[in-house]
Amino acid sequence: MYLFVYGSLLSHNSHNYLLKGCKFIGKAILEGFGLYKVSWYPAIVPKENSKVLGEVYQIDPSTLNKIDEFEDEGKLYKRKEIEVILDDSRKIKAWAYIYLCDVDENNYISFESQPWKG
């Protein structure tokens, strides 16, 4: 299974250690979602005409359980299977964490300012 990450789990960010041992598939784009700063961390929510730059990893069920706990799945984020576009234009299904709370439009991060560097 695959996981699309867009924030603190990105390869250059602090919590990527949670994906240690997972295969990096490549950079990817998620269309129809917007990236927002909601605290020291980012979140994505559905947003027309927007897209998010991230990375895709191949993961196992044990890693997915760890990430569910880290993301407070079901409370702060909801894990959802979505379609992403890889660098080579292939489309694949991947899990992603969608924010369950409200976002402030003033904290929107444009695609040109991505990836997340928090």
PDB file of N, CA and C in Angstrom:
ATOM      1  N   MET A   1       0.842  -1.181   0.000  1.00  0.00           N
ATOM      2  CA  MET A   1       0.000   0.000   0.000  1.00  0.00           C
ATOM      3  C   MET A   1       0.882   1.237   0.000  1.00  0.00           C
ATOM      4  N   TYR A   2       0.290   2.379  -0.384  1.00  0.00           N
ATOM      5  CA  TYR A   2       1.038   3.617  -0.526  1.00  0.00           C
ATOM      6  C   TYR A   2       0.498   4.698   0.407  1.00  0.00           C
ATOM      7  N   LEU A   3       1.404   5.599   0.791  1.00  0.00           N
ATOM      8  CA  LEU A   3       1.048   6.731   1.648  1.00  0.00           C
ATOM      9  C   LEU A   3       1.557   8.012   1.001  1.00  0.00           C
ATOM     10  N   PHE A   4       0.658   9.002   0.874  1.00  0.00           N
ATOM     11  CA  PHE A   4       1.024  10.329   0.374  1.00  0.00           C
ATOM     12  C   PHE A   4       1.248  11.215   1.590  1.00  0.00           C
ATOM     13  N   VAL A   5       2.449  11.814   1.680  1.00  0.00           N
ATOM     14  CA  VAL A   5       2.777  12.719   2.789  1.00  0.00           C
ATOM     15  C   VAL A   5       3.046  14.113   2.246  1.00  0.00           C
ATOM     16  N   TYR A   6       2.738  15.140   3.045  1.00  0.00           N
ATOM     17  CA  TYR A   6       2.833  16.519   2.569  1.00  0.00           C
ATOM     18  C   TYR A   6       3.361  17.484   3.628  1.00  0.00           C
ATOM     19  N   GLY A   7       3.713  16.986   4.796  1.00  0.00           N
ATOM     20  CA  GLY A   7       4.110  17.885   5.891  1.00  0.00           C
ATOM     21  C   GLY A   7       5.327  17.385   6.643  1.00  0.00           C
ATOM     22  N   SER A   8       5.162  17.165   7.935  1.00  0.00           N
ATOM     23  CA  SER A   8       6.296  16.805   8.787  1.00  0.00           C
ATOM     24  C   SER A   8       6.865  15.423   8.466  1.00  0.00           C
ATOM     25  N   LEU A   9       6.167  14.615   7.663  1.00  0.00           N
ATOM     26  CA  LEU A   9       6.669  13.295   7.266  1.00  0.00           C
ATOM     27  C   LEU A   9       7.482  13.335   5.970  1.00  0.00           C
ATOM     28  N   LEU A  10       7.566  14.502   5.316  1.00  0.00           N
ATOM     29  CA  LEU A  10       8.375  14.626   4.102  1.00  0.00           C
ATOM     30  C   LEU A  10       9.835  14.288   4.389  1.00  0.00           C
ATOM     31  N   SER A  11      10.547  13.851   3.372  1.00  0.00           N
ATOM     32  CA  SER A  11      11.930  13.388   3.541  1.00  0.00           C
ATOM     33  C   SER A  11      12.851  14.417   4.185  1.00  0.00           C
ATOM     34  N   HIS A  12      12.597  15.691   4.013  1.00  0.00           N
ATOM     35  CA  HIS A  12      13.476  16.726   4.577  1.00  0.00           C
ATOM     36  C   HIS A  12      12.968  17.269   5.921  1.00  0.00           C
ATOM     37  N   ASN A  13      11.914  16.687   6.472  1.00  0.00           N
ATOM     38  CA  ASN A  13      11.326  17.211   7.704  1.00  0.00           C
ATOM     39  C   ASN A  13      11.506  16.266   8.897  1.00  0.00           C
ATOM     40  N   SER A  14      11.192  16.781  10.066  1.00  0.00           N
ATOM     41  CA  SER A  14      11.559  16.181  11.342  1.00  0.00           C
ATOM     42  C   SER A  14      10.976  14.810  11.653  1.00  0.00           C
ATOM     43  N   HIS A  15       9.805  14.482  11.174  1.00  0.00           N
ATOM     44  CA  HIS A  15       9.186  13.216  11.563  1.00  0.00           C
ATOM     45  C   HIS A  15       9.302  12.121  10.498  1.00  0.00           C
ATOM     46  N   ASN A  16      10.160  12.330   9.509  1.00  0.00           N
ATOM     47  CA  ASN A  16      10.332  11.331   8.460  1.00  0.00           C
ATOM     48  C   ASN A  16      10.871  10.014   9.015  1.00  0.00           C
ATOM     49  N   TYR A  17      11.478  10.043  10.208  1.00  0.00           N
ATOM     50  CA  TYR A  17      11.991   8.814  10.819  1.00  0.00           C
ATOM     51  C   TYR A  17      10.881   7.760  10.984  1.00  0.00           C
ATOM     52  N   LEU A  18       9.628   8.204  11.036  1.00  0.00           N
ATOM     53  CA  LEU A  18       8.512   7.261  11.157  1.00  0.00           C
ATOM     54  C   LEU A  18       8.366   6.394   9.903  1.00  0.00           C
ATOM     55  N   LEU A  19       8.976   6.825   8.811  1.00  0.00           N
ATOM     56  CA  LEU A  19       8.915   6.070   7.552  1.00  0.00           C
ATOM     57  C   LEU A  19      10.216   5.322   7.267  1.00  0.00           C
ATOM     58  N   LYS A  20      11.070   5.212   8.281  1.00  0.00           N
ATOM     59  CA  LYS A  20      12.341   4.507   8.112  1.00  0.00           C
ATOM     60  C   LYS A  20      12.069   3.080   7.647  1.00  0.00           C
ATOM     61  N   GLY A  21      12.786   2.670   6.630  1.00  0.00           N
ATOM     62  CA  GLY A  21      12.625   1.329   6.086  1.00  0.00           C
ATOM     63  C   GLY A  21      11.549   1.220   5.019  1.00  0.00           C
ATOM     64  N   CYS A  22      10.790   2.288   4.813  1.00  0.00           N
ATOM     65  CA  CYS A  22       9.751   2.287   3.778  1.00  0.00           C
ATOM     66  C   CYS A  22      10.359   2.747   2.457  1.00  0.00           C
ATOM     67  N   LYS A  23       9.869   2.192   1.379  1.00  0.00           N
ATOM     68  CA  LYS A  23      10.405   2.532   0.060  1.00  0.00           C
ATOM     69  C   LYS A  23       9.826   3.864  -0.421  1.00  0.00           C
ATOM     70  N   PHE A  24      10.723   4.789  -0.771  1.00  0.00           N
ATOM     71  CA  PHE A  24      10.333   6.065  -1.362  1.00  0.00           C
ATOM     72  C   PHE A  24       9.977   5.804  -2.819  1.00  0.00           C
ATOM     73  N   ILE A  25       8.734   6.158  -3.199  1.00  0.00           N
ATOM     74  CA  ILE A  25       8.268   5.944  -4.568  1.00  0.00           C
ATOM     75  C   ILE A  25       8.562   7.165  -5.436  1.00  0.00           C
ATOM     76  N   GLY A  26       8.359   8.356  -4.870  1.00  0.00           N
ATOM     77  CA  GLY A  26       8.665   9.568  -5.605  1.00  0.00           C
ATOM     78  C   GLY A  26       7.802  10.732  -5.188  1.00  0.00           C
ATOM     79  N   LYS A  27       8.060  11.860  -5.813  1.00  0.00           N
ATOM     80  CA  LYS A  27       7.248  13.048  -5.576  1.00  0.00           C
ATOM     81  C   LYS A  27       5.913  12.865  -6.285  1.00  0.00           C
ATOM     82  N   ALA A  28       4.889  13.550  -5.745  1.00  0.00           N
ATOM     83  CA  ALA A  28       3.554  13.391  -6.314  1.00  0.00           C
ATOM     84  C   ALA A  28       2.730  14.650  -6.074  1.00  0.00           C
ATOM     85  N   ILE A  29       1.657  14.772  -6.853  1.00  0.00           N
ATOM     86  CA  ILE A  29       0.728  15.896  -6.725  1.00  0.00           C
ATOM     87  C   ILE A  29      -0.653  15.348  -6.427  1.00  0.00           C
ATOM     88  N   LEU A  30      -1.310  15.975  -5.478  1.00  0.00           N
ATOM     89  CA  LEU A  30      -2.692  15.668  -5.122  1.00  0.00           C
ATOM     90  C   LEU A  30      -3.544  16.848  -5.561  1.00  0.00           C
ATOM     91  N   GLU A  31      -4.468  16.601  -6.470  1.00  0.00           N
ATOM     92  CA  GLU A  31      -5.328  17.673  -6.977  1.00  0.00           C
ATOM     93  C   GLU A  31      -6.643  17.726  -6.196  1.00  0.00           C
ATOM     94  N   GLY A  32      -7.213  18.941  -6.107  1.00  0.00           N
ATOM     95  CA  GLY A  32      -8.495  19.102  -5.447  1.00  0.00           C
ATOM     96  C   GLY A  32      -8.410  19.296  -3.947  1.00  0.00           C
ATOM     97  N   PHE A  33      -7.196  19.522  -3.452  1.00  0.00           N
ATOM     98  CA  PHE A  33      -6.973  19.784  -2.030  1.00  0.00           C
ATOM     99  C   PHE A  33      -6.082  21.002  -1.876  1.00  0.00           C
ATOM    100  N   GLY A  34      -6.241  21.701  -0.747  1.00  0.00           N
ATOM    101  CA  GLY A  34      -5.400  22.842  -0.423  1.00  0.00           C
ATOM    102  C   GLY A  34      -4.574  22.549   0.811  1.00  0.00           C
ATOM    103  N   LEU A  35      -3.378  23.115   0.855  1.00  0.00           N
ATOM    104  CA  LEU A  35      -2.465  22.964   1.992  1.00  0.00           C
ATOM    105  C   LEU A  35      -2.554  24.209   2.862  1.00  0.00           C
ATOM    106  N   TYR A  36      -2.652  24.000   4.171  1.00  0.00           N
ATOM    107  CA  TYR A  36      -2.793  25.101   5.125  1.00  0.00           C
ATOM    108  C   TYR A  36      -1.860  24.900   6.307  1.00  0.00           C
ATOM    109  N   LYS A  37      -1.391  25.995   6.857  1.00  0.00           N
ATOM    110  CA  LYS A  37      -0.681  25.958   8.131  1.00  0.00           C
ATOM    111  C   LYS A  37      -1.758  26.076   9.206  1.00  0.00           C
ATOM    112  N   VAL A  38      -1.810  25.093  10.121  1.00  0.00           N
ATOM    113  CA  VAL A  38      -2.823  25.134  11.171  1.00  0.00           C
ATOM    114  C   VAL A  38      -2.214  25.290  12.561  1.00  0.00           C
ATOM    115  N   SER A  39      -0.931  25.177  12.689  1.00  0.00           N
ATOM    116  CA  SER A  39      -0.167  25.374  13.924  1.00  0.00           C
ATOM    117  C   SER A  39       1.281  25.317  13.460  1.00  0.00           C
ATOM    118  N   TRP A  40       2.105  24.543  14.145  1.00  0.00           N
ATOM    119  CA  TRP A  40       3.470  24.337  13.654  1.00  0.00           C
ATOM    120  C   TRP A  40       3.473  23.298  12.540  1.00  0.00           C
ATOM    121  N   TYR A  41       2.306  22.721  12.273  1.00  0.00           N
ATOM    122  CA  TYR A  41       2.182  21.651  11.292  1.00  0.00           C
ATOM    123  C   TYR A  41       1.151  22.029  10.215  1.00  0.00           C
ATOM    124  N   PRO A  42       1.175  21.312   9.086  1.00  0.00           N
ATOM    125  CA  PRO A  42       0.232  21.599   8.007  1.00  0.00           C
ATOM    126  C   PRO A  42      -0.964  20.663   8.021  1.00  0.00           C
ATOM    127  N   ALA A  43      -1.922  20.990   7.178  1.00  0.00           N
ATOM    128  CA  ALA A  43      -3.097  20.144   6.991  1.00  0.00           C
ATOM    129  C   ALA A  43      -3.599  20.334   5.564  1.00  0.00           C
ATOM    130  N   ILE A  44      -4.294  19.323   5.070  1.00  0.00           N
ATOM    131  CA  ILE A  44      -4.947  19.461   3.775  1.00  0.00           C
ATOM    132  C   ILE A  44      -6.450  19.272   3.966  1.00  0.00           C
ATOM    133  N   VAL A  45      -7.182  20.029   3.160  1.00  0.00           N
ATOM    134  CA  VAL A  45      -8.641  19.918   3.113  1.00  0.00           C
ATOM    135  C   VAL A  45      -9.055  20.033   1.645  1.00  0.00           C
ATOM    136  N   PRO A  46     -10.226  19.490   1.311  1.00  0.00           N
ATOM    137  CA  PRO A  46     -10.694  19.641  -0.071  1.00  0.00           C
ATOM    138  C   PRO A  46     -10.781  21.118  -0.460  1.00  0.00           C
ATOM    139  N   LYS A  47     -10.292  21.454  -1.658  1.00  0.00           N
ATOM    140  CA  LYS A  47     -10.324  22.835  -2.153  1.00  0.00           C
ATOM    141  C   LYS A  47     -10.265  22.785  -3.681  1.00  0.00           C
ATOM    142  N   GLU A  48     -11.295  23.301  -4.301  1.00  0.00           N
ATOM    143  CA  GLU A  48     -11.341  23.313  -5.763  1.00  0.00           C
ATOM    144  C   GLU A  48     -10.183  24.107  -6.354  1.00  0.00           C
ATOM    145  N   ASN A  49      -9.718  23.655  -7.502  1.00  0.00           N
ATOM    146  CA  ASN A  49      -8.662  24.332  -8.259  1.00  0.00           C
ATOM    147  C   ASN A  49      -7.372  24.508  -7.469  1.00  0.00           C
ATOM    148  N   SER A  50      -7.100  23.603  -6.542  1.00  0.00           N
ATOM    149  CA  SER A  50      -5.863  23.648  -5.759  1.00  0.00           C
ATOM    150  C   SER A  50      -5.167  22.302  -5.864  1.00  0.00           C
ATOM    151  N   LYS A  51      -3.904  22.295  -5.498  1.00  0.00           N
ATOM    152  CA  LYS A  51      -3.154  21.046  -5.483  1.00  0.00           C
ATOM    153  C   LYS A  51      -2.066  21.112  -4.425  1.00  0.00           C
ATOM    154  N   VAL A  52      -1.630  19.925  -4.030  1.00  0.00           N
ATOM    155  CA  VAL A  52      -0.646  19.784  -2.959  1.00  0.00           C
ATOM    156  C   VAL A  52       0.519  18.958  -3.479  1.00  0.00           C
ATOM    157  N   LEU A  53       1.728  19.444  -3.199  1.00  0.00           N
ATOM    158  CA  LEU A  53       2.947  18.730  -3.563  1.00  0.00           C
ATOM    159  C   LEU A  53       3.395  17.886  -2.375  1.00  0.00           C
ATOM    160  N   GLY A  54       3.673  16.617  -2.640  1.00  0.00           N
ATOM    161  CA  GLY A  54       4.107  15.732  -1.559  1.00  0.00           C
ATOM    162  C   GLY A  54       4.967  14.607  -2.073  1.00  0.00           C
ATOM    163  N   GLU A  55       5.070  13.574  -1.264  1.00  0.00           N
ATOM    164  CA  GLU A  55       5.859  12.394  -1.587  1.00  0.00           C
ATOM    165  C   GLU A  55       5.019  11.151  -1.322  1.00  0.00           C
ATOM    166  N   VAL A  56       5.350  10.079  -2.026  1.00  0.00           N
ATOM    167  CA  VAL A  56       4.660   8.801  -1.837  1.00  0.00           C
ATOM    168  C   VAL A  56       5.669   7.762  -1.365  1.00  0.00           C
ATOM    169  N   TYR A  57       5.240   6.993  -0.367  1.00  0.00           N
ATOM    170  CA  TYR A  57       6.034   5.896   0.185  1.00  0.00           C
ATOM    171  C   TYR A  57       5.219   4.614   0.121  1.00  0.00           C
ATOM    172  N   GLN A  58       5.908   3.507  -0.105  1.00  0.00           N
ATOM    173  CA  GLN A  58       5.266   2.203   0.017  1.00  0.00           C
ATOM    174  C   GLN A  58       5.420   1.790   1.474  1.00  0.00           C
ATOM    175  N   ILE A  59       4.308   1.455   2.124  1.00  0.00           N
ATOM    176  CA  ILE A  59       4.341   1.164   3.554  1.00  0.00           C
ATOM    177  C   ILE A  59       3.672  -0.175   3.847  1.00  0.00           C
ATOM    178  N   ASP A  60       3.909  -0.670   5.055  1.00  0.00           N
ATOM    179  CA  ASP A  60       3.270  -1.905   5.501  1.00  0.00           C
ATOM    180  C   ASP A  60       2.213  -1.570   6.563  1.00  0.00           C
ATOM    181  N   PRO A  61       1.365  -2.539   6.915  1.00  0.00           N
ATOM    182  CA  PRO A  61       0.303  -2.276   7.884  1.00  0.00           C
ATOM    183  C   PRO A  61       0.808  -1.785   9.243  1.00  0.00           C
ATOM    184  N   SER A  62       1.944  -2.267   9.686  1.00  0.00           N
ATOM    185  CA  SER A  62       2.502  -1.828  10.971  1.00  0.00           C
ATOM    186  C   SER A  62       2.854  -0.339  10.929  1.00  0.00           C
ATOM    187  N   THR A  63       3.474   0.087   9.843  1.00  0.00           N
ATOM    188  CA  THR A  63       3.812   1.510   9.695  1.00  0.00           C
ATOM    189  C   THR A  63       2.548   2.346   9.613  1.00  0.00           C
ATOM    190  N   LEU A  64       1.545   1.875   8.885  1.00  0.00           N
ATOM    191  CA  LEU A  64       0.288   2.612   8.781  1.00  0.00           C
ATOM    192  C   LEU A  64      -0.337   2.803  10.166  1.00  0.00           C
ATOM    193  N   ASN A  65      -0.277   1.790  11.008  1.00  0.00           N
ATOM    194  CA  ASN A  65      -0.801   1.913  12.374  1.00  0.00           C
ATOM    195  C   ASN A  65      -0.036   2.967  13.172  1.00  0.00           C
ATOM    196  N   LYS A  66       1.291   2.988  13.017  1.00  0.00           N
ATOM    197  CA  LYS A  66       2.106   4.013  13.708  1.00  0.00           C
ATOM    198  C   LYS A  66       1.735   5.412  13.235  1.00  0.00           C
ATOM    199  N   ILE A  67       1.554   5.563  11.930  1.00  0.00           N
ATOM    200  CA  ILE A  67       1.219   6.876  11.374  1.00  0.00           C
ATOM    201  C   ILE A  67      -0.198   7.279  11.806  1.00  0.00           C
ATOM    202  N   ASP A  68      -1.127   6.333  11.858  1.00  0.00           N
ATOM    203  CA  ASP A  68      -2.474   6.626  12.365  1.00  0.00           C
ATOM    204  C   ASP A  68      -2.397   7.235  13.764  1.00  0.00           C
ATOM    205  N   GLU A  69      -1.582   6.645  14.602  1.00  0.00           N
ATOM    206  CA  GLU A  69      -1.426   7.151  15.973  1.00  0.00           C
ATOM    207  C   GLU A  69      -0.785   8.534  15.969  1.00  0.00           C
ATOM    208  N   PHE A  70       0.261   8.709  15.183  1.00  0.00           N
ATOM    209  CA  PHE A  70       0.952   9.996  15.090  1.00  0.00           C
ATOM    210  C   PHE A  70       0.010  11.101  14.608  1.00  0.00           C
ATOM    211  N   GLU A  71      -0.831  10.795  13.631  1.00  0.00           N
ATOM    212  CA  GLU A  71      -1.732  11.787  13.034  1.00  0.00           C
ATOM    213  C   GLU A  71      -3.048  11.950  13.808  1.00  0.00           C
ATOM    214  N   ASP A  72      -3.199  11.198  14.900  1.00  0.00           N
ATOM    215  CA  ASP A  72      -4.430  11.248  15.699  1.00  0.00           C
ATOM    216  C   ASP A  72      -5.642  10.958  14.809  1.00  0.00           C
ATOM    217  N   GLU A  73      -5.504   9.877  14.032  1.00  0.00           N
ATOM    218  CA  GLU A  73      -6.519   9.493  13.049  1.00  0.00           C
ATOM    219  C   GLU A  73      -7.885   9.314  13.714  1.00  0.00           C
ATOM    220  N   GLY A  74      -8.881   9.921  13.076  1.00  0.00           N
ATOM    221  CA  GLY A  74     -10.244   9.854  13.581  1.00  0.00           C
ATOM    222  C   GLY A  74     -10.622  11.014  14.481  1.00  0.00           C
ATOM    223  N   LYS A  75      -9.622  11.756  14.949  1.00  0.00           N
ATOM    224  CA  LYS A  75      -9.888  12.907  15.816  1.00  0.00           C
ATOM    225  C   LYS A  75      -9.432  14.202  15.147  1.00  0.00           C
ATOM    226  N   LEU A  76      -8.149  14.260  14.791  1.00  0.00           N
ATOM    227  CA  LEU A  76      -7.592  15.450  14.155  1.00  0.00           C
ATOM    228  C   LEU A  76      -7.575  15.305  12.626  1.00  0.00           C
ATOM    229  N   TYR A  77      -7.273  14.109  12.180  1.00  0.00           N
ATOM    230  CA  TYR A  77      -7.211  13.794  10.751  1.00  0.00           C
ATOM    231  C   TYR A  77      -8.014  12.536  10.477  1.00  0.00           C
ATOM    232  N   LYS A  78      -8.479  12.415   9.240  1.00  0.00           N
ATOM    233  CA  LYS A  78      -9.149  11.204   8.775  1.00  0.00           C
ATOM    234  C   LYS A  78      -8.322  10.637   7.639  1.00  0.00           C
ATOM    235  N   ARG A  79      -7.934   9.381   7.779  1.00  0.00           N
ATOM    236  CA  ARG A  79      -7.182   8.727   6.705  1.00  0.00           C
ATOM    237  C   ARG A  79      -8.156   8.350   5.595  1.00  0.00           C
ATOM    238  N   LYS A  80      -7.785   8.725   4.374  1.00  0.00           N
ATOM    239  CA  LYS A  80      -8.654   8.488   3.229  1.00  0.00           C
ATOM    240  C   LYS A  80      -7.796   8.046   2.050  1.00  0.00           C
ATOM    241  N   GLU A  81      -8.323   7.123   1.251  1.00  0.00           N
ATOM    242  CA  GLU A  81      -7.610   6.723   0.045  1.00  0.00           C
ATOM    243  C   GLU A  81      -7.943   7.705  -1.070  1.00  0.00           C
ATOM    244  N   ILE A  82      -6.907   8.238  -1.679  1.00  0.00           N
ATOM    245  CA  ILE A  82      -7.059   9.263  -2.714  1.00  0.00           C
ATOM    246  C   ILE A  82      -6.189   8.876  -3.916  1.00  0.00           C
ATOM    247  N   GLU A  83      -6.360   9.593  -5.024  1.00  0.00           N
ATOM    248  CA  GLU A  83      -5.534   9.356  -6.205  1.00  0.00           C
ATOM    249  C   GLU A  83      -4.511  10.476  -6.331  1.00  0.00           C
ATOM    250  N   VAL A  84      -3.258  10.098  -6.511  1.00  0.00           N
ATOM    251  CA  VAL A  84      -2.190  11.082  -6.693  1.00  0.00           C
ATOM    252  C   VAL A  84      -1.515  10.842  -8.036  1.00  0.00           C
ATOM    253  N   ILE A  85      -0.838  11.877  -8.514  1.00  0.00           N
ATOM    254  CA  ILE A  85      -0.132  11.810  -9.789  1.00  0.00           C
ATOM    255  C   ILE A  85       1.367  11.844  -9.502  1.00  0.00           C
ATOM    256  N   LEU A  86       2.051  10.770  -9.876  1.00  0.00           N
ATOM    257  CA  LEU A  86       3.499  10.692  -9.679  1.00  0.00           C
ATOM    258  C   LEU A  86       4.232  11.536 -10.719  1.00  0.00           C
ATOM    259  N   ASP A  87       5.524  11.770 -10.477  1.00  0.00           N
ATOM    260  CA  ASP A  87       6.356  12.551 -11.407  1.00  0.00           C
ATOM    261  C   ASP A  87       6.306  12.031 -12.837  1.00  0.00           C
ATOM    262  N   ASP A  88       6.171  10.714 -12.993  1.00  0.00           N
ATOM    263  CA  ASP A  88       6.160  10.134 -14.337  1.00  0.00           C
ATOM    264  C   ASP A  88       4.751  10.112 -14.948  1.00  0.00           C
ATOM    265  N   SER A  89       3.824  10.845 -14.332  1.00  0.00           N
ATOM    266  CA  SER A  89       2.432  10.999 -14.775  1.00  0.00           C
ATOM    267  C   SER A  89       1.524   9.805 -14.477  1.00  0.00           C
ATOM    268  N   ARG A  90       2.069   8.761 -13.855  1.00  0.00           N
ATOM    269  CA  ARG A  90       1.206   7.642 -13.438  1.00  0.00           C
ATOM    270  C   ARG A  90       0.305   8.093 -12.303  1.00  0.00           C
ATOM    271  N   LYS A  91      -0.911   7.565 -12.291  1.00  0.00           N
ATOM    272  CA  LYS A  91      -1.843   7.831 -11.205  1.00  0.00           C
ATOM    273  C   LYS A  91      -1.936   6.576 -10.348  1.00  0.00           C
ATOM    274  N   ILE A  92      -1.813   6.761  -9.027  1.00  0.00           N
ATOM    275  CA  ILE A  92      -1.935   5.625  -8.109  1.00  0.00           C
ATOM    276  C   ILE A  92      -2.829   6.026  -6.942  1.00  0.00           C
ATOM    277  N   LYS A  93      -3.367   5.014  -6.288  1.00  0.00           N
ATOM    278  CA  LYS A  93      -4.147   5.222  -5.065  1.00  0.00           C
ATOM    279  C   LYS A  93      -3.189   5.196  -3.882  1.00  0.00           C
ATOM    280  N   ALA A  94      -3.384   6.138  -2.969  1.00  0.00           N
ATOM    281  CA  ALA A  94      -2.541   6.211  -1.774  1.00  0.00           C
ATOM    282  C   ALA A  94      -3.383   6.709  -0.605  1.00  0.00           C
ATOM    283  N   TRP A  95      -2.972   6.346   0.588  1.00  0.00           N
ATOM    284  CA  TRP A  95      -3.608   6.898   1.774  1.00  0.00           C
ATOM    285  C   TRP A  95      -3.086   8.313   1.996  1.00  0.00           C
ATOM    286  N   ALA A  96      -3.947   9.174   2.513  1.00  0.00           N
ATOM    287  CA  ALA A  96      -3.548  10.535   2.903  1.00  0.00           C
ATOM    288  C   ALA A  96      -4.371  10.912   4.125  1.00  0.00           C
ATOM    289  N   TYR A  97      -3.862  11.864   4.892  1.00  0.00           N
ATOM    290  CA  TYR A  97      -4.545  12.311   6.105  1.00  0.00           C
ATOM    291  C   TYR A  97      -5.186  13.671   5.846  1.00  0.00           C
ATOM    292  N   ILE A  98      -6.513  13.689   5.924  1.00  0.00           N
ATOM    293  CA  ILE A  98      -7.310  14.881   5.647  1.00  0.00           C
ATOM    294  C   ILE A  98      -7.706  15.499   6.987  1.00  0.00           C
ATOM    295  N   TYR A  99      -7.514  16.794   7.109  1.00  0.00           N
ATOM    296  CA  TYR A  99      -7.783  17.517   8.351  1.00  0.00           C
ATOM    297  C   TYR A  99      -9.279  17.579   8.621  1.00  0.00           C
ATOM    298  N   LEU A 100      -9.668  17.348   9.862  1.00  0.00           N
ATOM    299  CA  LEU A 100     -11.081  17.318  10.240  1.00  0.00           C
ATOM    300  C   LEU A 100     -11.597  18.629  10.840  1.00  0.00           C
ATOM    301  N   CYS A 101     -10.719  19.585  11.088  1.00  0.00           N
ATOM    302  CA  CYS A 101     -11.125  20.849  11.713  1.00  0.00           C
ATOM    303  C   CYS A 101     -11.185  21.963  10.666  1.00  0.00           C
ATOM    304  N   ASP A 102     -11.631  23.118  11.095  1.00  0.00           N
ATOM    305  CA  ASP A 102     -11.691  24.276  10.204  1.00  0.00           C
ATOM    306  C   ASP A 102     -10.294  24.825   9.950  1.00  0.00           C
ATOM    307  N   VAL A 103     -10.107  25.426   8.796  1.00  0.00           N
ATOM    308  CA  VAL A 103      -8.846  26.086   8.465  1.00  0.00           C
ATOM    309  C   VAL A 103      -9.121  27.565   8.218  1.00  0.00           C
ATOM    310  N   ASP A 104      -8.079  28.369   8.383  1.00  0.00           N
ATOM    311  CA  ASP A 104      -8.159  29.807   8.132  1.00  0.00           C
ATOM    312  C   ASP A 104      -7.605  30.062   6.733  1.00  0.00           C
ATOM    313  N   GLU A 105      -8.434  30.621   5.872  1.00  0.00           N
ATOM    314  CA  GLU A 105      -8.022  30.867   4.492  1.00  0.00           C
ATOM    315  C   GLU A 105      -6.767  31.742   4.419  1.00  0.00           C
ATOM    316  N   ASN A 106      -6.520  32.555   5.438  1.00  0.00           N
ATOM    317  CA  ASN A 106      -5.306  33.387   5.474  1.00  0.00           C
ATOM    318  C   ASN A 106      -4.040  32.548   5.607  1.00  0.00           C
ATOM    319  N   ASN A 107      -4.187  31.289   6.004  1.00  0.00           N
ATOM    320  CA  ASN A 107      -3.038  30.401   6.198  1.00  0.00           C
ATOM    321  C   ASN A 107      -2.865  29.397   5.059  1.00  0.00           C
ATOM    322  N   TYR A 108      -3.507  29.680   3.923  1.00  0.00           N
ATOM    323  CA  TYR A 108      -3.383  28.836   2.743  1.00  0.00           C
ATOM    324  C   TYR A 108      -1.956  28.937   2.205  1.00  0.00           C
ATOM    325  N   ILE A 109      -1.395  27.815   1.800  1.00  0.00           N
ATOM    326  CA  ILE A 109      -0.043  27.767   1.240  1.00  0.00           C
ATOM    327  C   ILE A 109      -0.177  27.419  -0.241  1.00  0.00           C
ATOM    328  N   SER A 110       0.134  28.366  -1.102  1.00  0.00           N
ATOM    329  CA  SER A 110      -0.013  28.166  -2.540  1.00  0.00           C
ATOM    330  C   SER A 110       0.926  27.049  -3.030  1.00  0.00           C
ATOM    331  N   PHE A 111       0.559  26.473  -4.139  1.00  0.00           N
ATOM    332  CA  PHE A 111       1.359  25.386  -4.717  1.00  0.00           C
ATOM    333  C   PHE A 111       2.781  25.871  -4.999  1.00  0.00           C
ATOM    334  N   GLU A 112       2.917  27.103  -5.407  1.00  0.00           N
ATOM    335  CA  GLU A 112       4.240  27.664  -5.722  1.00  0.00           C
ATOM    336  C   GLU A 112       5.135  27.763  -4.492  1.00  0.00           C
ATOM    337  N   SER A 113       4.549  27.763  -3.307  1.00  0.00           N
ATOM    338  CA  SER A 113       5.312  27.861  -2.050  1.00  0.00           C
ATOM    339  C   SER A 113       5.540  26.497  -1.406  1.00  0.00           C
ATOM    340  N   GLN A 114       5.174  25.442  -2.083  1.00  0.00           N
ATOM    341  CA  GLN A 114       5.334  24.099  -1.544  1.00  0.00           C
ATOM    342  C   GLN A 114       6.615  23.470  -2.067  1.00  0.00           C
ATOM    343  N   PRO A 115       7.168  22.453  -1.434  1.00  0.00           N
ATOM    344  CA  PRO A 115       6.589  21.658  -0.364  1.00  0.00           C
ATOM    345  C   PRO A 115       6.699  22.337   1.007  1.00  0.00           C
ATOM    346  N   TRP A 116       5.970  21.778   1.959  1.00  0.00           N
ATOM    347  CA  TRP A 116       5.987  22.257   3.336  1.00  0.00           C
ATOM    348  C   TRP A 116       7.416  22.211   3.876  1.00  0.00           C
ATOM    349  N   LYS A 117       7.806  23.286   4.544  1.00  0.00           N
ATOM    350  CA  LYS A 117       9.164  23.366   5.094  1.00  0.00           C
ATOM    351  C   LYS A 117       9.152  23.636   6.595  1.00  0.00           C
ATOM    352  N   GLY A 118       8.072  23.310   7.256  1.00  0.00           N
ATOM    353  CA  GLY A 118       7.911  23.622   8.680  1.00  0.00           C
ATOM    354  C   GLY A 118       8.821  22.853   9.581  1.00  0.00           C
TER     355      GLY A 118
END
